[in-house]
Structures are given as C-alpha cells and as structure tokens.
C-alpha cells in the first residue's frame, strides 16, 4: 500500500511538473497603456482564444488531467491556426495573438467600425472633442432617453464626418510634405486643421493671418537681441554664448507651431468643402469634383484663393443643367461673376420649356430671373401656350412648397379652379406679386379656343385681360388677320419652335393663325448642313387634318403679308451660336414660288438645335 501511495504521488508530481513546464512557455500578455477605445481592437486576437483578454493579469492553468490532443483548424482565409475549442494553453494561438498585439494599429484599422467599436478610433483634435462633449453634456440632462439616443447617433455622424475631413486633407498632404511636421494649426468651423506654413501663401486670407501671428514673435526676438548686445559689452565670452543661444532659439522658434483662428460666416462653406480647399493649397493644379463645386467656391472666396475660385467657376460654366442652373445663378450673383450669370441666363433662354418645365427644379427659379428670361428675344418655346403652362406650373410650385414631384397640367388647373371665385387669382393678395411674370407673356399668341376656355374656368387671369385677348382675336379675324395692336415685332411676334435632336432628318409642323395655315420645316442635308424655312399651305391641302379643316377658321385671301424671322441656336465649343434671317417682310401666296419664305442655311456640327419661327401680320 505504501508503495502504491508513493507511486501515485510520484505520478501526480510528474504531471504537475509537466504542466508547470508547459505553462512556462506561455508568453506574458503585455499590459495595456493605450486609450480605452483601442482595447476593442487590441483584445480581438485574444478573445478568439477562449475569452482571453489583455487586461487579465494571469492566464488560467489547464485543469488536471490534461485534455486530449486536438487538431488545429484554419481561422478564415488567413495563415492563423487555432484549436476548435478555446484552450488557454494554446501556445501557437497565444503567440500569434501577442504578435498581432505588438503590431501598431494604423489609421485604416482604427477607422473600421463594428458592433464593438461603433465609433472611429482615429485620433481627433482636442478642440472638436471638447466642444462635442460640452454640447452633449449640456443637453443630455434635459432630454428624454429617446432624444438622448438621437443625440448619440448624431454625435457618431459628426465623428465619422470628421474622420472623412481628416482623410480628405491629410492623406494628400502627407505625400506632398514628405513627412514634414505641421507647423500651423488653424481653428475654423469648430475643427483644428494642421497645416504647413510654406503652402499657405496661395491664400491671401491665410497668409495675412500667418504674417500677423509671426510679427509679434519677430519683435520679441529683436528685443532679446538688443538686450543681449547691451550685456555683451562687458564680456566677450558671454556675448558669444548669447549668440549661440539666440541661434538655437531662432531654430526652435521656426519649428514652433503657430495657432491661427478664422471665423467663417458663409453657410455654404462646409467642413468637407473647406478640407478640399485646403487640400488644393498643396496641389500645383486645382482639382474639384462637380458635386462639391458650390461649397468649394464659397471656401475659395473666404480663403481668397484665386486659382481655385476660377477653377470652380469654369467647372460651373461647363456643367450647367436643370439640377444646378438655379443654384449656379444665385452663386454667380452672390460672388459677382457676370460671365457665369450670362451663361445661366443663356441656358435658360433655350431650355426653360424643353427641360426645366418638366422637372421639380423649376421651383428654385427666382422670380426676377424667370421674368428676365420671359422677356428675352432669344427665348425658345414650342408655342406661346407652352410658356403659359410653364409659368402656371412655377406659380403652383411656389404656392405648394411641399410638393416633391412635378404636377400634371390637369392637376394645376384643378388646384386653381378650387380657389374661391370672388376674384381672379392675380387680383388676390397671394397672386399680386406674380402679375409682372404673366405680363411678360405674349398671351395674344394663344389662339386655341380650348386653351382660352381653360383660362376662363380656372379664374386665374383678371377679366380685363381675357376680354382684351378675345377682342384682339375678333378684330384680327374681322380684318383678314391684321394684328393692328401688335406693332413691336421683337416683343409681340407669335413664336413657334422645333427642337432637333436625332433622327429623322426631316422635321415639319402645321401652324394656324387667323385662318392662314403655314408649315414650318427643318431639313438636315448632311452631317452638319441644315435648311430652315416657312411655307404657306392651302386650306385644301391633304396635309391638313380633317379636324383642323373642319373646326378652324379659313381665310380665302390669296395673299397675306407676313413679317417673320427664322432663328437657329446651338451650343458650339462651349459657346452659344445663333443663326438668323433677321426680320423680313414677304407676301405669301398659295402657289410656288410665293408660298415659300427665304431659306436659312447653316452648318451646325452639334445637337440639339433650337429653331424659332416668329410671325406677325402687319396691317395690309
């Protein structure tokens, strides 16, 4: 029995010694001297080994008896291997975890956001953190738990936004500065921007701030030099020592970081736009994305950065479209860019009806700009009624700012018909400010009885206006088409238009005015050769539909004197070109060659082409 006890004791002692030798090979887990936010990332490799954490002081010992051997499995697509169960004595896994722990956390890894780390772990400037903590502490005490959750989410968005602004500027500056330490700190927009003074002189604002901050330091240096000279008269050796210390002091002052402060009041300047503007200080050629151009333009104006400002203006000129023409125009007026203002107006003159009238961006069109475009002699429209529909839609959008889709014409008519009938809309208090807009229209060019009846039913125009329109039509029909009350051709001629985009090569449309029928034509002969003209059509011509011949008035006059102008507009090499016949007067017959107008021929290499046919019947 004694021998058995002795043997059992020796076995147990041997096992404990083997376990002690085994655990002595387990490397010590280093202590954490990092920020609490980094613990999530640093503890990840240990957590995979059965819940081990770097914060634990001791590694649990393996229980007795020792477990059986397990086969390792590959962890994901990496070269790391581990046991299928979390063993505390996994030497290889623990060694690999320690190796992963010793690797420094780079900025990309710190920005990875997971369920454990919902906030980016990259270092943020102290000024922004303090401001954010002050704001959250000031509001959290007085808010409900739901609102506090909203504030937390908002703070997360702010942090992610800051990380992005850091990435925008610092990822670029690190390449340009060759690992130079930043020597200027700019406080702006509640953020701390680390910059290099040698790159700030592209901006007049930043260079002036830098000079004003450096001058007091230079004055202090001069005073110290003067004081050291007086003391140096007594002792040469002390003078030499003072000079050495001064030289060292100058070197240190050169390396000393200067803090600048800039107050930006322009609401268009966002942090992202400001970061892009600062990034361009380090570039030889300005680079701006079209989506950021408005904010960068505002930032360039604040920084007084001429090359970047002009780059933004050129991008805006070449990228005008329905979505941005209104915002570009407002920015051009704000920063007094006359050429950009002209380009926006010129784009609207040809695209107000074809493009902007069918998009919700029409709401943003300022009233003074709309009124100016409506009075332009270069304005393109398919007919005068299309302009009326566009202005009615614009008015509807001004009165209903919550509407998010462009309404149909029937919806607009129904809305105005539902208003009280005691007076017309333009005579009401809400509609008086729009009177000048509708006075800019050529309402006498709306000759369709259906369209005039719709205007009467919606009770939009004042009754004297409708009476005047009907009176003009009756007078013209009674006098063979003479428009005696319309004598200013540039402002009162009735307009019709054709928009040429792709095929077919042959475009035509029948128009009717006071019993006279005309065909407006546009023919593409070659790749860039076009012909435009007007041709009178006889009332018995098969080209006229049965409904037109049956319902429309018909004049039996063999000749009709017409004052007309044919105009074609297109965009060529970034500039709008105009081809015109000027104002011509001709007597149109019903047979050739008198039935055909003068032909406007032009070589237009690009599309679309906006063709306007303006007609006026003088007294005959």
Foldseek 3Di string as FASTA:
>chain_A
DVVVVVVVVVVVVVQVVVQVVLVVLADFQDADPDDPLCQVVLQVLVCVQPHDGSHDRDQDGADPPHDDDFDWDDDPPDPDIDGPHRDSSTRSSSVVSSVVNPDDDDQVNQQDADPVNNARRDDFDPQLVVVLVVVLVVPVVPDDPVVNVVSVVVVRVVRVVRVVLCCLAVVLVCVLVVPDFFQEWECEPSGTDGHHVVLLVLFPQSVVQVVVQCVVVVVVLVVLVVVLVVVCVVPVVSSVVSVVVSVVVVVVVVRHHYYGYDYDDDPLADSNLLSLLRNCSSPPARDDDLVSLRNVLSNCVSRVNVRSNVVSLVSCLVDDDLQCLLVQLVSCVVVVPVVSVVSSLVVCQEPVQVPNLQFPSLLSHDPVSLLVSLQALSRFDQWLVSVVLSLLQNLVCPVPVVDDHRDDSVVSLVVLLPDDDPAAQCPDPSNVVCPSSVVSGQVLRPDDPVVLVSCVNSRHDGPVVSVVSVVQLVVCLVQVNARAVDDDQSRHFTKHKDKAFDDDQKDWDWDDGSQWIKIWIWGDDDLFKIKTWIFTAALPDPVDDPVCSVPPHHDPDQKFKKWKKKKKWDADPSDIDMFIPPIDIAIAGHDPPRRIDDMGMDGGNDDTMMMMMTIHGHRD
